[in-house]
PDB file of N, CA and C in Angstrom:
ATOM      1  N   UNK A   1      -3.842  -9.099   7.049  1.00  0.00           N
ATOM      2  CA  UNK A   1      -3.557  -7.865   6.354  1.00  0.00           C
ATOM      3  C   UNK A   1      -4.873  -7.211   5.942  1.00  0.00           C
ATOM      4  N   UNK A   2      -4.924  -5.922   6.085  1.00  0.00           N
ATOM      5  CA  UNK A   2      -6.096  -5.140   5.731  1.00  0.00           C
ATOM      6  C   UNK A   2      -6.207  -5.047   4.201  1.00  0.00           C
ATOM      7  N   UNK A   3      -7.342  -5.458   3.609  1.00  0.00           N
ATOM      8  CA  UNK A   3      -7.485  -5.414   2.145  1.00  0.00           C
ATOM      9  C   UNK A   3      -7.350  -3.999   1.575  1.00  0.00           C
ATOM     10  N   UNK A   4      -7.821  -2.996   2.314  1.00  0.00           N
ATOM     11  CA  UNK A   4      -7.730  -1.611   1.829  1.00  0.00           C
ATOM     12  C   UNK A   4      -6.263  -1.175   1.743  1.00  0.00           C
ATOM     13  N   UNK A   5      -5.483  -1.499   2.762  1.00  0.00           N
ATOM     14  CA  UNK A   5      -4.068  -1.161   2.768  1.00  0.00           C
ATOM     15  C   UNK A   5      -3.336  -1.897   1.657  1.00  0.00           C
ATOM     16  N   UNK A   6      -3.689  -3.154   1.450  1.00  0.00           N
ATOM     17  CA  UNK A   6      -3.075  -3.953   0.390  1.00  0.00           C
ATOM     18  C   UNK A   6      -3.352  -3.324  -0.969  1.00  0.00           C
ATOM     19  N   UNK A   7      -4.606  -2.945  -1.216  1.00  0.00           N
ATOM     20  CA  UNK A   7      -4.978  -2.348  -2.491  1.00  0.00           C
ATOM     21  C   UNK A   7      -4.266  -1.014  -2.693  1.00  0.00           C
ATOM     22  N   UNK A   8      -4.206  -0.177  -1.658  1.00  0.00           N
ATOM     23  CA  UNK A   8      -3.509   1.101  -1.764  1.00  0.00           C
ATOM     24  C   UNK A   8      -2.032   0.897  -2.074  1.00  0.00           C
ATOM     25  N   UNK A   9      -1.428  -0.091  -1.451  1.00  0.00           N
ATOM     26  CA  UNK A   9      -0.016  -0.393  -1.701  1.00  0.00           C
ATOM     27  C   UNK A   9       0.190  -0.857  -3.138  1.00  0.00           C
ATOM     28  N   UNK A  10      -0.688  -1.721  -3.617  1.00  0.00           N
ATOM     29  CA  UNK A  10      -0.575  -2.208  -4.993  1.00  0.00           C
ATOM     30  C   UNK A  10      -0.748  -1.069  -6.002  1.00  0.00           C
ATOM     31  N   UNK A  11      -1.683  -0.166  -5.738  1.00  0.00           N
ATOM     32  CA  UNK A  11      -1.882   0.986  -6.628  1.00  0.00           C
ATOM     33  C   UNK A  11      -0.639   1.864  -6.627  1.00  0.00           C
ATOM     34  N   UNK A  12      -0.053   2.085  -5.462  1.00  0.00           N
ATOM     35  CA  UNK A  12       1.150   2.905  -5.360  1.00  0.00           C
ATOM     36  C   UNK A  12       2.310   2.281  -6.127  1.00  0.00           C
ATOM     37  N   UNK A  13       2.503   0.977  -5.949  1.00  0.00           N
ATOM     38  CA  UNK A  13       3.586   0.284  -6.647  1.00  0.00           C
ATOM     39  C   UNK A  13       3.362   0.270  -8.155  1.00  0.00           C
ATOM     40  N   UNK A  14       2.136   0.028  -8.575  1.00  0.00           N
ATOM     41  CA  UNK A  14       1.835   0.015 -10.009  1.00  0.00           C
ATOM     42  C   UNK A  14       2.040   1.402 -10.620  1.00  0.00           C
ATOM     43  N   UNK A  15       1.627   2.433  -9.905  1.00  0.00           N
ATOM     44  CA  UNK A  15       1.806   3.799 -10.401  1.00  0.00           C
ATOM     45  C   UNK A  15       3.282   4.135 -10.549  1.00  0.00           C
ATOM     46  N   UNK A  16       4.070   3.772  -9.558  1.00  0.00           N
ATOM     47  CA  UNK A  16       5.508   4.062  -9.606  1.00  0.00           C
ATOM     48  C   UNK A  16       6.176   3.304 -10.746  1.00  0.00           C
ATOM     49  N   UNK A  17       5.837   2.036 -10.910  1.00  0.00           N
ATOM     50  CA  UNK A  17       6.492   1.255 -11.962  1.00  0.00           C
ATOM     51  C   UNK A  17       6.056   1.711 -13.352  1.00  0.00           C
ATOM     52  N   UNK A  18       4.789   2.040 -13.527  1.00  0.00           N
ATOM     53  CA  UNK A  18       4.339   2.547 -14.824  1.00  0.00           C
ATOM     54  C   UNK A  18       4.934   3.923 -15.114  1.00  0.00           C
ATOM     55  N   UNK A  19       5.104   4.732 -14.073  1.00  0.00           N
ATOM     56  CA  UNK A  19       5.769   6.028 -14.240  1.00  0.00           C
ATOM     57  C   UNK A  19       7.202   5.865 -14.693  1.00  0.00           C
ATOM     58  N   UNK A  20       7.889   4.872 -14.146  1.00  0.00           N
ATOM     59  CA  UNK A  20       9.267   4.600 -14.552  1.00  0.00           C
ATOM     60  C   UNK A  20       9.328   4.159 -16.007  1.00  0.00           C
ATOM     61  N   UNK A  21       8.422   3.300 -16.412  1.00  0.00           N
ATOM     62  CA  UNK A  21       8.382   2.842 -17.807  1.00  0.00           C
ATOM     63  C   UNK A  21       8.145   4.031 -18.743  1.00  0.00           C
ATOM     64  N   UNK A  22       7.209   4.900 -18.383  1.00  0.00           N
ATOM     65  CA  UNK A  22       6.930   6.077 -19.210  1.00  0.00           C
ATOM     66  C   UNK A  22       8.142   7.003 -19.264  1.00  0.00           C
ATOM     67  N   UNK A  23       8.816   7.192 -18.126  1.00  0.00           N
ATOM     68  CA  UNK A  23      10.001   8.054 -18.093  1.00  0.00           C
ATOM     69  C   UNK A  23      11.107   7.496 -18.979  1.00  0.00           C
ATOM     70  N   UNK A  24      11.306   6.189 -18.935  1.00  0.00           N
ATOM     71  CA  UNK A  24      12.332   5.582 -19.789  1.00  0.00           C
ATOM     72  C   UNK A  24      11.979   5.709 -21.271  1.00  0.00           C
ATOM     73  N   UNK A  25      10.704   5.602 -21.590  1.00  0.00           N
ATOM     74  CA  UNK A  25      10.275   5.765 -22.981  1.00  0.00           C
ATOM     75  C   UNK A  25      10.531   7.193 -23.461  1.00  0.00           C
ATOM     76  N   UNK A  26      10.191   8.172 -22.611  1.00  0.00           N
ATOM     77  CA  UNK A  26      10.464   9.576 -22.958  1.00  0.00           C
ATOM     78  C   UNK A  26      11.961   9.825 -23.069  1.00  0.00           C
ATOM     79  N   UNK A  27      12.734   9.188 -22.198  1.00  0.00           N
ATOM     80  CA  UNK A  27      14.182   9.314 -22.232  1.00  0.00           C
ATOM     81  C   UNK A  27      14.714   8.921 -23.621  1.00  0.00           C
ATOM     82  N   UNK A  28      14.292   7.777 -24.105  1.00  0.00           N
ATOM     83  CA  UNK A  28      14.753   7.316 -25.413  1.00  0.00           C
ATOM     84  C   UNK A  28      14.264   8.222 -26.540  1.00  0.00           C
ATOM     85  N   UNK A  29      13.017   8.676 -26.445  1.00  0.00           N
ATOM     86  CA  UNK A  29      12.463   9.544 -27.487  1.00  0.00           C
ATOM     87  C   UNK A  29      13.202  10.881 -27.556  1.00  0.00           C
ATOM     88  N   UNK A  30      13.488  11.462 -26.410  1.00  0.00           N
ATOM     89  CA  UNK A  30      14.189  12.748 -26.381  1.00  0.00           C
ATOM     90  C   UNK A  30      15.611  12.585 -26.895  1.00  0.00           C
ATOM     91  N   UNK A  31      16.292  11.512 -26.486  1.00  0.00           N
ATOM     92  CA  UNK A  31      17.661  11.280 -26.975  1.00  0.00           C
ATOM     93  C   UNK A  31      17.681  11.111 -28.494  1.00  0.00           C
ATOM     94  N   UNK A  32      16.734  10.360 -29.029  1.00  0.00           N
ATOM     95  CA  UNK A  32      16.678  10.150 -30.476  1.00  0.00           C
ATOM     96  C   UNK A  32      16.360  11.455 -31.209  1.00  0.00           C
ATOM     97  N   UNK A  33      15.496  12.277 -30.623  1.00  0.00           N
ATOM     98  CA  UNK A  33      15.145  13.553 -31.243  1.00  0.00           C
ATOM     99  C   UNK A  33      16.343  14.487 -31.287  1.00  0.00           C
ATOM    100  N   UNK A  34      17.090  14.556 -30.194  1.00  0.00           N
ATOM    101  CA  UNK A  34      18.269  15.418 -30.161  1.00  0.00           C
ATOM    102  C   UNK A  34      19.305  14.933 -31.169  1.00  0.00           C
ATOM    103  N   UNK A  35      19.451  13.631 -31.264  1.00  0.00           N
ATOM    104  CA  UNK A  35      20.402  13.061 -32.225  1.00  0.00           C
ATOM    105  C   UNK A  35      20.006  13.431 -33.657  1.00  0.00           C
ATOM    106  N   UNK A  36      18.701  13.354 -33.947  1.00  0.00           N
ATOM    107  CA  UNK A  36      18.221  13.636 -35.298  1.00  0.00           C
ATOM    108  C   UNK A  36      18.273  15.122 -35.634  1.00  0.00           C
ATOM    109  N   UNK A  37      17.887  15.972 -34.688  1.00  0.00           N
ATOM    110  CA  UNK A  37      17.806  17.406 -34.963  1.00  0.00           C
ATOM    111  C   UNK A  37      19.187  18.055 -34.975  1.00  0.00           C
ATOM    112  N   UNK A  38      20.019  17.732 -33.990  1.00  0.00           N
ATOM    113  CA  UNK A  38      21.305  18.407 -33.858  1.00  0.00           C
ATOM    114  C   UNK A  38      22.466  17.602 -34.429  1.00  0.00           C
ATOM    115  N   UNK A  39      22.203  16.409 -34.904  1.00  0.00           N
ATOM    116  CA  UNK A  39      23.239  15.542 -35.473  1.00  0.00           C
ATOM    117  C   UNK A  39      24.435  15.418 -34.527  1.00  0.00           C
ATOM    118  N   UNK A  40      24.144  15.221 -33.246  1.00  0.00           N
ATOM    119  CA  UNK A  40      25.209  15.208 -32.249  1.00  0.00           C
ATOM    120  C   UNK A  40      25.704  13.819 -31.921  1.00  0.00           C
ATOM    121  N   UNK A  41      24.911  12.793 -32.111  1.00  0.00           N
ATOM    122  CA  UNK A  41      25.334  11.446 -31.741  1.00  0.00           C
ATOM    123  C   UNK A  41      25.504  11.330 -30.238  1.00  0.00           C
ATOM    124  N   UNK A  42      26.514  10.578 -29.821  1.00  0.00           N
ATOM    125  CA  UNK A  42      26.751  10.379 -28.396  1.00  0.00           C
ATOM    126  C   UNK A  42      27.914  11.212 -27.889  1.00  0.00           C
ATOM    127  N   UNK A  43      28.241  12.298 -28.584  1.00  0.00           N
ATOM    128  CA  UNK A  43      29.363  13.106 -28.129  1.00  0.00           C
ATOM    129  C   UNK A  43      28.956  13.981 -26.948  1.00  0.00           C
ATOM    130  N   UNK A  44      29.891  14.695 -26.406  1.00  0.00           N
ATOM    131  CA  UNK A  44      29.671  15.477 -25.192  1.00  0.00           C
ATOM    132  C   UNK A  44      28.613  16.558 -25.385  1.00  0.00           C
ATOM    133  N   UNK A  45      28.608  17.226 -26.515  1.00  0.00           N
ATOM    134  CA  UNK A  45      27.621  18.280 -26.777  1.00  0.00           C
ATOM    135  C   UNK A  45      26.199  17.702 -26.767  1.00  0.00           C
ATOM    136  N   UNK A  46      26.045  16.530 -27.349  1.00  0.00           N
ATOM    137  CA  UNK A  46      24.729  15.888 -27.365  1.00  0.00           C
ATOM    138  C   UNK A  46      24.259  15.515 -25.975  1.00  0.00           C
ATOM    139  N   UNK A  47      25.175  15.018 -25.160  1.00  0.00           N
ATOM    140  CA  UNK A  47      24.806  14.637 -23.791  1.00  0.00           C
ATOM    141  C   UNK A  47      24.423  15.858 -22.960  1.00  0.00           C
ATOM    142  N   UNK A  48      25.151  16.950 -23.115  1.00  0.00           N
ATOM    143  CA  UNK A  48      24.803  18.172 -22.378  1.00  0.00           C
ATOM    144  C   UNK A  48      23.496  18.779 -22.887  1.00  0.00           C
ATOM    145  N   UNK A  49      23.284  18.739 -24.182  1.00  0.00           N
ATOM    146  CA  UNK A  49      22.020  19.235 -24.734  1.00  0.00           C
ATOM    147  C   UNK A  49      20.853  18.444 -24.146  1.00  0.00           C
ATOM    148  N   UNK A  50      21.013  17.134 -24.091  1.00  0.00           N
ATOM    149  CA  UNK A  50      19.969  16.279 -23.520  1.00  0.00           C
ATOM    150  C   UNK A  50      19.756  16.587 -22.038  1.00  0.00           C
ATOM    151  N   UNK A  51      20.838  16.758 -21.289  1.00  0.00           N
ATOM    152  CA  UNK A  51      20.725  17.034 -19.858  1.00  0.00           C
ATOM    153  C   UNK A  51      20.013  18.361 -19.598  1.00  0.00           C
ATOM    154  N   UNK A  52      20.349  19.384 -20.359  1.00  0.00           N
ATOM    155  CA  UNK A  52      19.705  20.690 -20.182  1.00  0.00           C
ATOM    156  C   UNK A  52      18.232  20.604 -20.556  1.00  0.00           C
ATOM    157  N   UNK A  53      17.923  19.955 -21.657  1.00  0.00           N
ATOM    158  CA  UNK A  53      16.529  19.822 -22.084  1.00  0.00           C
ATOM    159  C   UNK A  53      15.712  19.036 -21.067  1.00  0.00           C
ATOM    160  N   UNK A  54      16.264  17.951 -20.557  1.00  0.00           N
ATOM    161  CA  UNK A  54      15.557  17.150 -19.554  1.00  0.00           C
ATOM    162  C   UNK A  54      15.320  17.957 -18.279  1.00  0.00           C
ATOM    163  N   UNK A  55      16.288  18.774 -17.887  1.00  0.00           N
ATOM    164  CA  UNK A  55      16.137  19.600 -16.691  1.00  0.00           C
ATOM    165  C   UNK A  55      15.054  20.654 -16.881  1.00  0.00           C
ATOM    166  N   UNK A  56      15.037  21.295 -18.019  1.00  0.00           N
ATOM    167  CA  UNK A  56      14.013  22.318 -18.297  1.00  0.00           C
ATOM    168  C   UNK A  56      12.621  21.691 -18.287  1.00  0.00           C
ATOM    169  N   UNK A  57      12.488  20.544 -18.909  1.00  0.00           N
ATOM    170  CA  UNK A  57      11.192  19.858 -18.928  1.00  0.00           C
ATOM    171  C   UNK A  57      10.762  19.485 -17.513  1.00  0.00           C
ATOM    172  N   UNK A  58      11.689  18.979 -16.709  1.00  0.00           N
ATOM    173  CA  UNK A  58      11.363  18.590 -15.334  1.00  0.00           C
ATOM    174  C   UNK A  58      10.906  19.792 -14.513  1.00  0.00           C
ATOM    175  N   UNK A  59      11.577  20.921 -14.659  1.00  0.00           N
ATOM    176  CA  UNK A  59      11.210  22.123 -13.907  1.00  0.00           C
ATOM    177  C   UNK A  59       9.825  22.606 -14.318  1.00  0.00           C
ATOM    178  N   UNK A  60       9.555  22.635 -15.615  1.00  0.00           N
ATOM    179  CA  UNK A  60       8.249  23.094 -16.098  1.00  0.00           C
ATOM    180  C   UNK A  60       7.135  22.182 -15.582  1.00  0.00           C
ATOM    181  N   UNK A  61       7.341  20.879 -15.626  1.00  0.00           N
ATOM    182  CA  UNK A  61       6.324  19.937 -15.153  1.00  0.00           C
ATOM    183  C   UNK A  61       6.096  20.098 -13.651  1.00  0.00           C
ATOM    184  N   UNK A  62       7.172  20.196 -12.861  1.00  0.00           N
ATOM    185  CA  UNK A  62       7.026  20.318 -11.407  1.00  0.00           C
ATOM    186  C   UNK A  62       6.346  21.624 -11.009  1.00  0.00           C
ATOM    187  N   UNK A  63       6.684  22.723 -11.668  1.00  0.00           N
ATOM    188  CA  UNK A  63       6.029  24.002 -11.363  1.00  0.00           C
ATOM    189  C   UNK A  63       4.550  23.928 -11.726  1.00  0.00           C
ATOM    190  N   UNK A  64       4.239  23.320 -12.873  1.00  0.00           N
ATOM    191  CA  UNK A  64       2.832  23.180 -13.285  1.00  0.00           C
ATOM    192  C   UNK A  64       2.044  22.325 -12.297  1.00  0.00           C
ATOM    193  N   UNK A  65       2.642  21.226 -11.852  1.00  0.00           N
ATOM    194  CA  UNK A  65       1.959  20.376 -10.875  1.00  0.00           C
ATOM    195  C   UNK A  65       1.780  21.092  -9.536  1.00  0.00           C
ATOM    196  N   UNK A  66       2.758  21.873  -9.133  1.00  0.00           N
ATOM    197  CA  UNK A  66       2.636  22.650  -7.900  1.00  0.00           C
ATOM    198  C   UNK A  66       1.501  23.663  -7.985  1.00  0.00           C
ATOM    199  N   UNK A  67       1.389  24.325  -9.123  1.00  0.00           N
ATOM    200  CA  UNK A  67       0.299  25.292  -9.313  1.00  0.00           C
ATOM    201  C   UNK A  67      -1.058  24.601  -9.328  1.00  0.00           C
ATOM    202  N   UNK A  68      -1.114  23.430  -9.977  1.00  0.00           N
ATOM    203  CA  UNK A  68      -2.377  22.678 -10.011  1.00  0.00           C
ATOM    204  C   UNK A  68      -2.765  22.231  -8.609  1.00  0.00           C
ATOM    205  N   UNK A  69      -1.797  21.794  -7.814  1.00  0.00           N
ATOM    206  CA  UNK A  69      -2.081  21.381  -6.435  1.00  0.00           C
ATOM    207  C   UNK A  69      -2.573  22.568  -5.615  1.00  0.00           C
ATOM    208  N   UNK A  70      -1.995  23.735  -5.825  1.00  0.00           N
ATOM    209  CA  UNK A  70      -2.425  24.924  -5.089  1.00  0.00           C
ATOM    210  C   UNK A  70      -3.845  25.332  -5.478  1.00  0.00           C
ATOM    211  N   UNK A  71      -4.204  25.162  -6.750  1.00  0.00           N
ATOM    212  CA  UNK A  71      -5.551  25.530  -7.209  1.00  0.00           C
ATOM    213  C   UNK A  71      -6.625  24.663  -6.575  1.00  0.00           C
ATOM    214  N   UNK A  72      -6.311  23.394  -6.353  1.00  0.00           N
ATOM    215  CA  UNK A  72      -7.329  22.506  -5.785  1.00  0.00           C
ATOM    216  C   UNK A  72      -7.223  22.417  -4.269  1.00  0.00           C
ATOM    217  N   UNK A  73      -6.321  23.204  -3.704  1.00  0.00           N
ATOM    218  CA  UNK A  73      -6.232  23.256  -2.255  1.00  0.00           C
ATOM    219  C   UNK A  73      -5.250  22.290  -1.651  1.00  0.00           C
ATOM    220  N   UNK A  74      -4.495  21.615  -2.470  1.00  0.00           N
ATOM    221  CA  UNK A  74      -3.507  20.671  -1.956  1.00  0.00           C
ATOM    222  C   UNK A  74      -2.207  21.366  -1.608  1.00  0.00           C
ATOM    223  N   UNK A  75      -1.315  20.614  -1.033  1.00  0.00           N
ATOM    224  CA  UNK A  75      -0.003  21.129  -0.671  1.00  0.00           C
ATOM    225  C   UNK A  75       1.005  20.720  -1.737  1.00  0.00           C
ATOM    226  N   UNK A  76       1.927  21.588  -2.003  1.00  0.00           N
ATOM    227  CA  UNK A  76       3.010  21.298  -2.919  1.00  0.00           C
ATOM    228  C   UNK A  76       4.298  21.164  -2.118  1.00  0.00           C
ATOM    229  N   UNK A  77       5.137  20.234  -2.500  1.00  0.00           N
ATOM    230  CA  UNK A  77       6.425  20.079  -1.819  1.00  0.00           C
ATOM    231  C   UNK A  77       7.293  21.301  -2.078  1.00  0.00           C
ATOM    232  N   UNK A  78       7.235  21.807  -3.309  1.00  0.00           N
ATOM    233  CA  UNK A  78       8.006  22.981  -3.679  1.00  0.00           C
ATOM    234  C   UNK A  78       7.143  24.209  -3.409  1.00  0.00           C
ATOM    235  N   UNK A  79       7.639  25.111  -2.597  1.00  0.00           N
ATOM    236  CA  UNK A  79       6.895  26.330  -2.328  1.00  0.00           C
ATOM    237  C   UNK A  79       7.783  27.521  -2.570  1.00  0.00           C
ATOM    238  N   UNK A  80       7.170  28.615  -2.932  1.00  0.00           N
ATOM    239  CA  UNK A  80       7.899  29.830  -3.209  1.00  0.00           C
ATOM    240  C   UNK A  80       7.729  30.776  -2.044  1.00  0.00           C
ATOM    241  N   UNK A  81       8.828  31.356  -1.619  1.00  0.00           N
ATOM    242  CA  UNK A  81       8.752  32.306  -0.520  1.00  0.00           C
ATOM    243  C   UNK A  81       8.260  33.646  -1.056  1.00  0.00           C
ATOM    244  N   UNK A  82       7.349  34.259  -0.336  1.00  0.00           N
ATOM    245  CA  UNK A  82       6.786  35.539  -0.734  1.00  0.00           C
ATOM    246  C   UNK A  82       7.527  36.646  -0.022  1.00  0.00           C
ATOM    247  N   UNK A  83       7.907  37.667  -0.776  1.00  0.00           N
ATOM    248  CA  UNK A  83       8.583  38.795  -0.153  1.00  0.00           C
ATOM    249  C   UNK A  83       7.600  39.579   0.700  1.00  0.00           C
ATOM    250  N   UNK A  84       8.038  39.952   1.894  1.00  0.00           N
ATOM    251  CA  UNK A  84       7.169  40.703   2.805  1.00  0.00           C
ATOM    252  C   UNK A  84       7.347  42.179   2.633  1.00  0.00           C
TER     253      UNK A  84
END
């Protein structure tokens, strides 16, 4: 096995697993915040509030990362069509 390929694979796996841990931590923090601020508990309104908030955050982060990739000359998976 090529040591460079092994190291790249290990970095990729570590990044993905640490990203998952961070996402789960944010998940719990956001749920607790919504519960505290809106006093919703685990009812349907609280779950929808959490889902909408998580979606908005995800969209903002992905658009920001796409713009950052475009600034440094990289490619973004999400692209916007330009009107001709």
